[in-house]
Amino acid sequence: MDERRAVDRLKDGDIGGLEILVRLHQVRAVRSAYLILRDRSLAEDVVQSAFVKFYEKIKRFDAEKPFAPYFMKIVVNDAVKTAKHRERTVSFPDEGTENWSVEFADPEVGPQELAQAAEDRRRVWAALEKLPPAQRAAIVERYYLGMTEAEMSRSGASPPGTIKWRLHAARKSLAKLLRPQVRAEGPTPALAETPKGGNDHE
């Protein structure tokens, strides 16, 4: 059953529609939130809360619109709010990072290539951690979720100019942080291999 039918079931009061949406999108949503929060438990809480919010507002959701971009925007926005609320910096958990790297390893790639890819991921994640939450979110939306700048601003939460500025500032910061370390292709390829898929310092 596709998203559209699941949403229709929800609008009819059938909770089974939500179970389908959770099955289809929970994993990617949690990983998106994790890239912003760097805390798996918090990421899972954010996503669970986002599903509840969607269910509570289902009557206002336009079923003609695709569910995934709408829902992922809720997840990303809530993850940013949660990250900003936290006043201390938490490093990426080594165990979780290693597990996800193994989970997404390409079986056709040799040990040396896998080791280099894992090292690139570690460096990119460490650099990503140093960005303000809103800039991390912009990188996640653009390069992990594959959203266009128009899709990123469509919710009305941030105007197109702010999205462009965040992406520019985030890419500039990542390039500066990674320049002495990564190969010529830069930070984006390594970020793409991570688990799938104004002023920002406030």
N, C-alpha and C. Protein backbone atom coordinates (compact mmCIF):
# COMPACT_ATOMS: atom_id res chain seq x y z
N MET A 1 0.85 -1.20 0.00
CA MET A 1 0.00 0.00 0.00
C MET A 1 0.88 1.24 0.00
N ASP A 2 0.57 2.24 -0.83
CA ASP A 2 1.41 3.42 -0.94
C ASP A 2 1.03 4.47 0.10
N GLU A 3 1.81 5.56 0.11
CA GLU A 3 1.59 6.63 1.07
C GLU A 3 0.19 7.22 0.97
N ARG A 4 -0.25 7.44 -0.26
CA ARG A 4 -1.54 8.11 -0.46
C ARG A 4 -2.68 7.34 0.20
N ARG A 5 -2.70 6.03 0.01
CA ARG A 5 -3.75 5.23 0.62
C ARG A 5 -3.62 5.20 2.14
N ALA A 6 -2.36 5.21 2.62
CA ALA A 6 -2.14 5.23 4.07
C ALA A 6 -2.68 6.53 4.67
N VAL A 7 -2.42 7.65 3.98
CA VAL A 7 -2.93 8.94 4.45
C VAL A 7 -4.45 8.96 4.42
N ASP A 8 -5.03 8.41 3.35
CA ASP A 8 -6.48 8.36 3.25
C ASP A 8 -7.09 7.55 4.41
N ARG A 9 -6.43 6.45 4.75
CA ARG A 9 -6.91 5.64 5.87
C ARG A 9 -6.86 6.43 7.18
N LEU A 10 -5.80 7.20 7.35
CA LEU A 10 -5.68 8.02 8.55
C LEU A 10 -6.80 9.06 8.62
N LYS A 11 -7.07 9.69 7.47
CA LYS A 11 -8.13 10.69 7.42
C LYS A 11 -9.49 10.08 7.75
N ASP A 12 -9.63 8.79 7.47
CA ASP A 12 -10.88 8.09 7.79
C ASP A 12 -10.91 7.56 9.22
N GLY A 13 -9.83 7.85 9.97
CA GLY A 13 -9.78 7.44 11.37
C GLY A 13 -9.18 6.07 11.60
N ASP A 14 -8.56 5.49 10.57
CA ASP A 14 -7.95 4.17 10.69
C ASP A 14 -6.48 4.32 11.07
N ILE A 15 -6.12 3.99 12.31
CA ILE A 15 -4.76 4.15 12.81
C ILE A 15 -3.77 3.27 12.05
N GLY A 16 -4.27 2.25 11.36
CA GLY A 16 -3.40 1.37 10.58
C GLY A 16 -2.63 2.14 9.52
N GLY A 17 -3.21 3.27 9.05
CA GLY A 17 -2.50 4.08 8.07
C GLY A 17 -1.21 4.64 8.63
N LEU A 18 -1.22 5.01 9.92
CA LEU A 18 -0.02 5.54 10.54
C LEU A 18 1.05 4.46 10.66
N GLU A 19 0.65 3.26 10.96
CA GLU A 19 1.61 2.16 11.06
C GLU A 19 2.35 1.96 9.74
N ILE A 20 1.64 2.12 8.65
CA ILE A 20 2.27 1.97 7.32
C ILE A 20 3.27 3.08 7.09
N LEU A 21 2.90 4.31 7.42
CA LEU A 21 3.81 5.44 7.24
C LEU A 21 5.06 5.29 8.11
N VAL A 22 4.88 4.81 9.32
CA VAL A 22 6.03 4.57 10.21
C VAL A 22 6.96 3.54 9.59
N ARG A 23 6.40 2.46 9.08
CA ARG A 23 7.21 1.41 8.48
C ARG A 23 7.99 1.93 7.26
N LEU A 24 7.37 2.82 6.50
CA LEU A 24 8.00 3.33 5.29
C LEU A 24 9.07 4.37 5.56
N HIS A 25 8.90 5.17 6.61
CA HIS A 25 9.74 6.37 6.74
C HIS A 25 10.49 6.51 8.05
N GLN A 26 10.24 5.65 9.01
CA GLN A 26 10.87 5.85 10.32
C GLN A 26 12.39 5.79 10.27
N VAL A 27 12.93 4.81 9.58
CA VAL A 27 14.39 4.62 9.58
C VAL A 27 15.09 5.85 9.03
N ARG A 28 14.64 6.32 7.87
CA ARG A 28 15.30 7.47 7.26
C ARG A 28 15.09 8.74 8.09
N ALA A 29 13.93 8.86 8.69
CA ALA A 29 13.65 10.03 9.52
C ALA A 29 14.56 10.05 10.75
N VAL A 30 14.74 8.91 11.39
CA VAL A 30 15.61 8.84 12.57
C VAL A 30 17.04 9.18 12.19
N ARG A 31 17.50 8.68 11.05
CA ARG A 31 18.87 8.96 10.64
C ARG A 31 19.06 10.43 10.30
N SER A 32 18.05 11.06 9.73
CA SER A 32 18.12 12.49 9.44
C SER A 32 18.22 13.29 10.74
N ALA A 33 17.38 12.95 11.69
CA ALA A 33 17.41 13.64 12.99
C ALA A 33 18.73 13.39 13.70
N TYR A 34 19.27 12.18 13.56
CA TYR A 34 20.54 11.85 14.21
C TYR A 34 21.69 12.68 13.67
N LEU A 35 21.69 12.93 12.36
CA LEU A 35 22.74 13.74 11.76
C LEU A 35 22.75 15.15 12.34
N ILE A 36 21.60 15.63 12.77
CA ILE A 36 21.49 16.98 13.34
C ILE A 36 21.77 16.96 14.84
N LEU A 37 21.24 15.94 15.53
CA LEU A 37 21.30 15.90 16.99
C LEU A 37 22.52 15.18 17.54
N ARG A 38 23.04 14.22 16.77
CA ARG A 38 24.18 13.40 17.19
C ARG A 38 23.86 12.58 18.44
N ASP A 39 22.60 12.26 18.61
CA ASP A 39 22.15 11.48 19.76
C ASP A 39 21.00 10.60 19.28
N ARG A 40 21.21 9.29 19.26
CA ARG A 40 20.22 8.40 18.69
C ARG A 40 18.91 8.38 19.47
N SER A 41 19.01 8.39 20.79
CA SER A 41 17.80 8.36 21.61
C SER A 41 16.96 9.62 21.37
N LEU A 42 17.62 10.78 21.33
CA LEU A 42 16.90 12.02 21.07
C LEU A 42 16.29 12.01 19.66
N ALA A 43 17.04 11.47 18.70
CA ALA A 43 16.55 11.40 17.33
C ALA A 43 15.28 10.56 17.26
N GLU A 44 15.28 9.43 17.95
CA GLU A 44 14.10 8.58 17.96
C GLU A 44 12.91 9.29 18.62
N ASP A 45 13.17 10.04 19.69
CA ASP A 45 12.10 10.79 20.35
C ASP A 45 11.51 11.85 19.43
N VAL A 46 12.38 12.55 18.70
CA VAL A 46 11.93 13.60 17.78
C VAL A 46 11.03 13.00 16.70
N VAL A 47 11.44 11.88 16.15
CA VAL A 47 10.67 11.26 15.07
C VAL A 47 9.34 10.73 15.59
N GLN A 48 9.35 10.11 16.75
CA GLN A 48 8.09 9.62 17.33
C GLN A 48 7.12 10.77 17.55
N SER A 49 7.65 11.88 18.07
CA SER A 49 6.82 13.05 18.30
C SER A 49 6.29 13.62 16.98
N ALA A 50 7.11 13.57 15.93
CA ALA A 50 6.69 14.08 14.63
C ALA A 50 5.54 13.26 14.06
N PHE A 51 5.59 11.95 14.24
CA PHE A 51 4.49 11.10 13.77
C PHE A 51 3.20 11.43 14.54
N VAL A 52 3.33 11.66 15.84
CA VAL A 52 2.16 12.01 16.64
C VAL A 52 1.58 13.35 16.17
N LYS A 53 2.45 14.33 15.92
CA LYS A 53 1.99 15.63 15.43
C LYS A 53 1.23 15.48 14.11
N PHE A 54 1.80 14.68 13.21
CA PHE A 54 1.15 14.49 11.93
C PHE A 54 -0.23 13.87 12.11
N TYR A 55 -0.31 12.87 12.97
CA TYR A 55 -1.59 12.20 13.22
C TYR A 55 -2.62 13.17 13.79
N GLU A 56 -2.18 14.03 14.70
CA GLU A 56 -3.10 14.97 15.35
C GLU A 56 -3.61 16.03 14.37
N LYS A 57 -2.81 16.31 13.33
CA LYS A 57 -3.18 17.36 12.37
C LYS A 57 -3.60 16.78 11.01
N ILE A 58 -3.91 15.50 10.98
CA ILE A 58 -4.18 14.82 9.72
C ILE A 58 -5.32 15.46 8.93
N LYS A 59 -6.31 15.98 9.62
CA LYS A 59 -7.45 16.57 8.92
C LYS A 59 -7.06 17.79 8.10
N ARG A 60 -5.97 18.45 8.51
CA ARG A 60 -5.53 19.65 7.79
C ARG A 60 -4.50 19.35 6.71
N PHE A 61 -4.07 18.11 6.63
CA PHE A 61 -3.05 17.76 5.64
C PHE A 61 -3.69 17.57 4.27
N ASP A 62 -3.12 18.19 3.26
CA ASP A 62 -3.60 18.06 1.88
C ASP A 62 -3.11 16.74 1.31
N ALA A 63 -4.02 15.80 1.14
CA ALA A 63 -3.64 14.46 0.68
C ALA A 63 -3.10 14.45 -0.74
N GLU A 64 -3.26 15.55 -1.47
CA GLU A 64 -2.71 15.63 -2.82
C GLU A 64 -1.20 15.86 -2.80
N LYS A 65 -0.68 16.31 -1.67
CA LYS A 65 0.75 16.57 -1.55
C LYS A 65 1.46 15.29 -1.10
N PRO A 66 2.72 15.11 -1.53
CA PRO A 66 3.47 13.93 -1.07
C PRO A 66 3.76 14.01 0.42
N PHE A 67 3.68 12.88 1.07
CA PHE A 67 3.86 12.84 2.53
C PHE A 67 5.32 13.04 2.94
N ALA A 68 6.25 12.36 2.27
CA ALA A 68 7.64 12.32 2.73
C ALA A 68 8.27 13.70 2.92
N PRO A 69 8.25 14.60 1.91
CA PRO A 69 8.88 15.91 2.11
C PRO A 69 8.25 16.68 3.25
N TYR A 70 6.92 16.61 3.36
CA TYR A 70 6.21 17.32 4.43
C TYR A 70 6.64 16.79 5.79
N PHE A 71 6.69 15.47 5.93
CA PHE A 71 7.02 14.87 7.21
C PHE A 71 8.49 15.10 7.56
N MET A 72 9.39 14.96 6.58
CA MET A 72 10.81 15.15 6.85
C MET A 72 11.09 16.58 7.29
N LYS A 73 10.31 17.53 6.76
CA LYS A 73 10.49 18.92 7.18
C LYS A 73 10.13 19.08 8.65
N ILE A 74 9.07 18.40 9.09
CA ILE A 74 8.71 18.43 10.51
C ILE A 74 9.85 17.87 11.35
N VAL A 75 10.39 16.74 10.91
CA VAL A 75 11.47 16.08 11.65
C VAL A 75 12.69 16.99 11.75
N VAL A 76 13.10 17.56 10.62
CA VAL A 76 14.29 18.41 10.60
C VAL A 76 14.08 19.65 11.47
N ASN A 77 12.93 20.30 11.33
CA ASN A 77 12.67 21.50 12.14
C ASN A 77 12.68 21.19 13.63
N ASP A 78 12.05 20.07 14.00
CA ASP A 78 12.02 19.70 15.42
C ASP A 78 13.40 19.31 15.93
N ALA A 79 14.19 18.66 15.07
CA ALA A 79 15.55 18.29 15.46
C ALA A 79 16.40 19.54 15.69
N VAL A 80 16.24 20.55 14.84
CA VAL A 80 16.97 21.80 15.00
C VAL A 80 16.58 22.48 16.31
N LYS A 81 15.28 22.54 16.60
CA LYS A 81 14.82 23.15 17.85
C LYS A 81 15.40 22.42 19.06
N THR A 82 15.39 21.09 18.98
CA THR A 82 15.93 20.30 20.09
C THR A 82 17.42 20.52 20.24
N ALA A 83 18.15 20.58 19.12
CA ALA A 83 19.60 20.80 19.16
C ALA A 83 19.93 22.17 19.74
N LYS A 84 19.16 23.18 19.36
CA LYS A 84 19.40 24.52 19.88
C LYS A 84 19.10 24.60 21.37
N HIS A 85 18.14 23.80 21.80
CA HIS A 85 17.76 23.81 23.21
C HIS A 85 18.85 23.22 24.10
N ARG A 86 19.60 22.33 23.52
CA ARG A 86 20.69 21.72 24.29
C ARG A 86 21.85 22.70 24.37
N GLU A 87 22.35 22.94 25.53
CA GLU A 87 23.39 23.95 25.71
C GLU A 87 24.79 23.36 25.69
N ARG A 88 24.90 22.07 25.71
CA ARG A 88 26.23 21.49 25.70
C ARG A 88 26.45 20.71 24.41
N THR A 89 27.70 20.59 24.00
CA THR A 89 28.06 19.86 22.79
C THR A 89 28.30 18.41 23.13
N VAL A 90 27.68 17.53 22.35
CA VAL A 90 27.84 16.09 22.55
C VAL A 90 28.52 15.51 21.34
N SER A 91 29.60 14.78 21.55
CA SER A 91 30.33 14.19 20.42
C SER A 91 29.54 13.04 19.82
N PHE A 92 29.82 12.74 18.55
CA PHE A 92 29.19 11.59 17.93
C PHE A 92 29.58 10.32 18.67
N PRO A 93 28.61 9.46 19.02
CA PRO A 93 28.95 8.19 19.66
C PRO A 93 29.72 7.30 18.70
N ASP A 94 30.92 6.89 19.10
CA ASP A 94 31.74 6.07 18.21
C ASP A 94 31.05 4.78 17.82
N GLU A 95 30.40 4.14 18.79
CA GLU A 95 29.76 2.85 18.52
C GLU A 95 28.68 2.97 17.46
N GLY A 96 27.84 3.99 17.60
CA GLY A 96 26.76 4.16 16.64
C GLY A 96 27.29 4.46 15.25
N THR A 97 28.32 5.30 15.16
CA THR A 97 28.89 5.65 13.86
C THR A 97 29.46 4.42 13.19
N GLU A 98 30.17 3.58 13.93
CA GLU A 98 30.76 2.38 13.34
C GLU A 98 29.67 1.44 12.87
N ASN A 99 28.64 1.25 13.66
CA ASN A 99 27.57 0.33 13.28
C ASN A 99 26.91 0.77 11.98
N TRP A 100 26.64 2.05 11.85
CA TRP A 100 25.97 2.54 10.65
C TRP A 100 26.90 2.45 9.44
N SER A 101 28.21 2.67 9.66
CA SER A 101 29.15 2.54 8.54
C SER A 101 29.15 1.11 8.01
N VAL A 102 29.13 0.14 8.91
CA VAL A 102 29.11 -1.26 8.48
C VAL A 102 27.80 -1.57 7.77
N GLU A 103 26.70 -1.06 8.29
CA GLU A 103 25.39 -1.35 7.72
C GLU A 103 25.29 -0.88 6.28
N PHE A 104 25.98 0.22 5.95
CA PHE A 104 25.88 0.77 4.62
C PHE A 104 27.11 0.49 3.76
N ALA A 105 27.92 -0.46 4.19
CA ALA A 105 29.11 -0.81 3.41
C ALA A 105 28.70 -1.49 2.10
N ASP A 106 29.39 -1.12 1.03
CA ASP A 106 29.15 -1.72 -0.28
C ASP A 106 29.89 -3.05 -0.35
N PRO A 107 29.18 -4.18 -0.52
CA PRO A 107 29.84 -5.49 -0.53
C PRO A 107 30.82 -5.66 -1.69
N GLU A 108 30.72 -4.81 -2.72
CA GLU A 108 31.61 -4.92 -3.87
C GLU A 108 32.91 -4.15 -3.67
N VAL A 109 33.01 -3.38 -2.60
CA VAL A 109 34.19 -2.56 -2.37
C VAL A 109 35.17 -3.31 -1.48
N GLY A 110 36.47 -3.18 -1.79
CA GLY A 110 37.50 -3.89 -1.04
C GLY A 110 37.77 -3.28 0.32
N PRO A 111 38.54 -3.98 1.17
CA PRO A 111 38.82 -3.52 2.54
C PRO A 111 39.49 -2.15 2.59
N GLN A 112 40.44 -1.90 1.68
CA GLN A 112 41.15 -0.62 1.70
C GLN A 112 40.20 0.54 1.39
N GLU A 113 39.33 0.32 0.38
CA GLU A 113 38.37 1.37 0.01
C GLU A 113 37.37 1.59 1.13
N LEU A 114 36.94 0.49 1.78
CA LEU A 114 36.00 0.62 2.90
C LEU A 114 36.63 1.41 4.05
N ALA A 115 37.91 1.12 4.33
CA ALA A 115 38.59 1.81 5.41
C ALA A 115 38.70 3.30 5.12
N GLN A 116 39.04 3.64 3.86
CA GLN A 116 39.15 5.05 3.49
C GLN A 116 37.80 5.75 3.56
N ALA A 117 36.75 5.04 3.09
CA ALA A 117 35.41 5.63 3.13
C ALA A 117 34.97 5.88 4.57
N ALA A 118 35.28 4.93 5.45
CA ALA A 118 34.92 5.09 6.87
C ALA A 118 35.66 6.26 7.48
N GLU A 119 36.94 6.43 7.11
CA GLU A 119 37.72 7.54 7.63
C GLU A 119 37.17 8.88 7.13
N ASP A 120 36.78 8.92 5.84
CA ASP A 120 36.19 10.15 5.30
C ASP A 120 34.89 10.48 6.02
N ARG A 121 34.06 9.46 6.28
CA ARG A 121 32.81 9.69 6.99
C ARG A 121 33.07 10.25 8.38
N ARG A 122 34.05 9.67 9.06
CA ARG A 122 34.37 10.13 10.41
C ARG A 122 34.77 11.60 10.39
N ARG A 123 35.60 11.98 9.43
CA ARG A 123 36.06 13.36 9.34
C ARG A 123 34.91 14.32 9.03
N VAL A 124 34.04 13.90 8.10
CA VAL A 124 32.92 14.75 7.74
C VAL A 124 31.96 14.90 8.92
N TRP A 125 31.69 13.79 9.62
CA TRP A 125 30.79 13.86 10.77
C TRP A 125 31.37 14.76 11.84
N ALA A 126 32.68 14.67 12.08
CA ALA A 126 33.32 15.51 13.09
C ALA A 126 33.22 16.98 12.70
N ALA A 127 33.37 17.28 11.40
CA ALA A 127 33.25 18.65 10.93
C ALA A 127 31.80 19.12 11.01
N LEU A 128 30.88 18.25 10.62
CA LEU A 128 29.46 18.58 10.67
C LEU A 128 29.03 18.93 12.08
N GLU A 129 29.62 18.24 13.05
CA GLU A 129 29.28 18.47 14.45
C GLU A 129 29.58 19.89 14.89
N LYS A 130 30.55 20.54 14.24
CA LYS A 130 30.97 21.87 14.64
C LYS A 130 30.07 22.97 14.07
N LEU A 131 29.18 22.63 13.14
CA LEU A 131 28.29 23.63 12.56
C LEU A 131 27.13 23.93 13.50
N PRO A 132 26.56 25.14 13.42
CA PRO A 132 25.33 25.44 14.17
C PRO A 132 24.21 24.51 13.70
N PRO A 133 23.23 24.20 14.56
CA PRO A 133 22.17 23.26 14.19
C PRO A 133 21.46 23.58 12.88
N ALA A 134 21.14 24.86 12.62
CA ALA A 134 20.41 25.20 11.41
C ALA A 134 21.23 24.93 10.16
N GLN A 135 22.56 25.15 10.24
CA GLN A 135 23.42 24.84 9.11
C GLN A 135 23.56 23.33 8.91
N ARG A 136 23.64 22.59 10.02
CA ARG A 136 23.66 21.13 9.90
C ARG A 136 22.40 20.65 9.21
N ALA A 137 21.26 21.24 9.61
CA ALA A 137 19.99 20.85 9.01
C ALA A 137 19.97 21.13 7.52
N ALA A 138 20.52 22.26 7.10
CA ALA A 138 20.56 22.61 5.68
C ALA A 138 21.37 21.59 4.90
N ILE A 139 22.51 21.18 5.45
CA ILE A 139 23.34 20.17 4.79
C ILE A 139 22.61 18.83 4.71
N VAL A 140 21.94 18.45 5.80
CA VAL A 140 21.20 17.18 5.82
C VAL A 140 20.09 17.19 4.78
N GLU A 141 19.32 18.28 4.74
CA GLU A 141 18.21 18.37 3.78
C GLU A 141 18.71 18.34 2.34
N ARG A 142 19.78 19.09 2.08
CA ARG A 142 20.24 19.22 0.69
C ARG A 142 20.98 17.97 0.20
N TYR A 143 21.87 17.44 1.02
CA TYR A 143 22.75 16.38 0.54
C TYR A 143 22.37 14.98 1.01
N TYR A 144 21.68 14.87 2.14
CA TYR A 144 21.24 13.54 2.59
C TYR A 144 19.84 13.22 2.10
N LEU A 145 18.91 14.17 2.30
CA LEU A 145 17.54 13.96 1.85
C LEU A 145 17.35 14.32 0.38
N GLY A 146 18.32 15.02 -0.22
CA GLY A 146 18.25 15.34 -1.64
C GLY A 146 17.19 16.38 -1.98
N MET A 147 16.86 17.26 -1.05
CA MET A 147 15.85 18.27 -1.29
C MET A 147 16.44 19.44 -2.07
N THR A 148 15.62 20.06 -2.92
CA THR A 148 16.04 21.27 -3.60
C THR A 148 15.90 22.45 -2.64
N GLU A 149 16.52 23.58 -3.02
CA GLU A 149 16.39 24.76 -2.16
C GLU A 149 14.94 25.20 -2.07
N ALA A 150 14.20 25.06 -3.16
CA ALA A 150 12.77 25.43 -3.14
C ALA A 150 12.01 24.55 -2.16
N GLU A 151 12.29 23.25 -2.16
CA GLU A 151 11.62 22.33 -1.23
C GLU A 151 12.00 22.65 0.21
N MET A 152 13.26 23.05 0.41
CA MET A 152 13.72 23.37 1.76
C MET A 152 13.00 24.58 2.34
N SER A 153 12.61 25.52 1.49
CA SER A 153 11.96 26.73 1.99
C SER A 153 10.45 26.70 1.85
N ARG A 154 9.92 25.62 1.24
CA ARG A 154 8.50 25.56 0.92
C ARG A 154 7.60 25.61 2.15
N SER A 155 8.07 25.13 3.26
CA SER A 155 7.24 25.12 4.47
C SER A 155 6.98 26.52 4.99
N GLY A 156 7.77 27.48 4.52
CA GLY A 156 7.59 28.85 5.00
C GLY A 156 8.39 29.14 6.26
N ALA A 157 9.08 28.13 6.80
CA ALA A 157 9.86 28.33 8.01
C ALA A 157 11.05 29.27 7.75
N SER A 158 11.63 29.20 6.55
CA SER A 158 12.76 30.04 6.19
C SER A 158 12.62 30.48 4.75
N PRO A 159 12.86 31.75 4.45
CA PRO A 159 12.78 32.22 3.06
C PRO A 159 13.93 31.68 2.23
N PRO A 160 13.81 31.69 0.88
CA PRO A 160 14.86 31.16 0.01
C PRO A 160 16.23 31.79 0.27
N GLY A 161 16.26 33.10 0.53
CA GLY A 161 17.54 33.76 0.77
C GLY A 161 18.26 33.20 1.99
N THR A 162 17.49 32.89 3.03
CA THR A 162 18.09 32.31 4.24
C THR A 162 18.63 30.92 3.97
N ILE A 163 17.89 30.13 3.19
CA ILE A 163 18.35 28.79 2.83
C ILE A 163 19.67 28.87 2.07
N LYS A 164 19.74 29.77 1.09
CA LYS A 164 20.96 29.93 0.30
C LYS A 164 22.13 30.33 1.21
N TRP A 165 21.87 31.25 2.12
CA TRP A 165 22.94 31.70 3.02
C TRP A 165 23.42 30.55 3.90
N ARG A 166 22.48 29.79 4.45
CA ARG A 166 22.88 28.68 5.33
C ARG A 166 23.72 27.65 4.58
N LEU A 167 23.29 27.31 3.37
CA LEU A 167 24.05 26.34 2.59
C LEU A 167 25.43 26.88 2.27
N HIS A 168 25.51 28.14 1.86
CA HIS A 168 26.80 28.74 1.54
C HIS A 168 27.71 28.75 2.75
N ALA A 169 27.17 29.20 3.89
CA ALA A 169 27.97 29.28 5.11
C ALA A 169 28.41 27.89 5.57
N ALA A 170 27.49 26.92 5.47
CA ALA A 170 27.80 25.56 5.91
C ALA A 170 28.88 24.94 5.02
N ARG A 171 28.75 25.09 3.70
CA ARG A 171 29.76 24.53 2.78
C ARG A 171 31.12 25.19 3.00
N LYS A 172 31.11 26.50 3.21
CA LYS A 172 32.36 27.22 3.44
C LYS A 172 33.04 26.73 4.72
N SER A 173 32.24 26.55 5.77
CA SER A 173 32.81 26.08 7.04
C SER A 173 33.33 24.65 6.92
N LEU A 174 32.57 23.80 6.24
CA LEU A 174 33.00 22.41 6.07
C LEU A 174 34.28 22.35 5.25
N ALA A 175 34.36 23.15 4.19
CA ALA A 175 35.57 23.15 3.35
C ALA A 175 36.79 23.58 4.17
N LYS A 176 36.59 24.57 5.02
CA LYS A 176 37.71 25.05 5.85
C LYS A 176 38.12 23.98 6.85
N LEU A 177 37.14 23.31 7.45
CA LEU A 177 37.44 22.29 8.44
C LEU A 177 38.08 21.05 7.83
N LEU A 178 37.71 20.75 6.59
CA LEU A 178 38.15 19.49 5.98
C LEU A 178 39.33 19.67 5.03
N ARG A 179 39.67 20.89 4.67
CA ARG A 179 40.69 21.12 3.65
C ARG A 179 42.01 20.40 3.92
N PRO A 180 42.52 20.38 5.15
CA PRO A 180 43.80 19.70 5.38
C PRO A 180 43.70 18.19 5.39
N GLN A 181 42.43 17.66 5.32
CA GLN A 181 42.26 16.24 5.61
C GLN A 181 41.72 15.41 4.46
N VAL A 182 40.69 15.91 3.74
CA VAL A 182 40.03 15.05 2.78
C VAL A 182 40.63 15.18 1.40
N ARG A 183 40.27 14.26 0.53
CA ARG A 183 40.77 14.25 -0.83
C ARG A 183 40.09 15.34 -1.64
N ALA A 184 40.45 15.45 -2.90
CA ALA A 184 40.04 16.57 -3.74
C ALA A 184 38.53 16.68 -3.89
N GLU A 185 37.79 15.57 -3.79
CA GLU A 185 36.37 15.65 -4.06
C GLU A 185 35.59 16.39 -2.97
N GLY A 186 36.19 16.65 -1.81
CA GLY A 186 35.54 17.48 -0.81
C GLY A 186 34.57 16.72 0.06
N PRO A 187 33.78 17.45 0.89
CA PRO A 187 32.97 16.82 1.93
C PRO A 187 31.70 16.15 1.47
N THR A 188 31.12 16.60 0.36
CA THR A 188 29.80 16.13 -0.01
C THR A 188 29.71 14.62 -0.25
N PRO A 189 30.66 13.98 -1.01
CA PRO A 189 30.54 12.54 -1.23
C PRO A 189 30.54 11.74 0.06
N ALA A 190 31.39 12.12 1.01
CA ALA A 190 31.43 11.37 2.27
C ALA A 190 30.13 11.54 3.04
N LEU A 191 29.56 12.73 3.01
CA LEU A 191 28.29 12.92 3.69
C LEU A 191 27.21 12.09 3.05
N ALA A 192 27.26 11.97 1.72
CA ALA A 192 26.25 11.19 1.02
C ALA A 192 26.32 9.73 1.42
N GLU A 193 27.48 9.29 1.93
CA GLU A 193 27.63 7.90 2.34
C GLU A 193 27.24 7.69 3.79
N THR A 194 26.87 8.78 4.49
CA THR A 194 26.45 8.61 5.87
C THR A 194 25.10 7.93 5.89
N PRO A 195 24.61 7.49 7.07
CA PRO A 195 23.40 6.68 7.12
C PRO A 195 22.22 7.32 6.41
N LYS A 196 21.56 6.54 5.53
CA LYS A 196 20.33 6.94 4.84
C LYS A 196 19.07 6.45 5.55
N GLY A 197 20.98 8.31 3.42
CA GLY A 197 20.04 8.39 2.25
C GLY A 197 20.80 8.66 1.43
N GLY A 198 20.00 34.51 7.51
CA GLY A 198 20.00 35.03 8.84
C GLY A 198 21.18 34.63 9.66
N ASN A 199 21.07 34.39 10.93
CA ASN A 199 22.13 34.03 11.84
C ASN A 199 21.75 32.71 12.46
N ASP A 200 22.59 31.72 12.26
CA ASP A 200 22.23 30.39 12.72
C ASP A 200 22.83 30.07 14.08
N HIS A 201 23.44 31.03 14.71
CA HIS A 201 24.10 30.76 15.99
C HIS A 201 23.19 31.07 17.17
N GLU A 202 21.91 31.31 16.89
CA GLU A 202 21.01 31.62 18.00
C GLU A 202 20.68 30.38 18.79
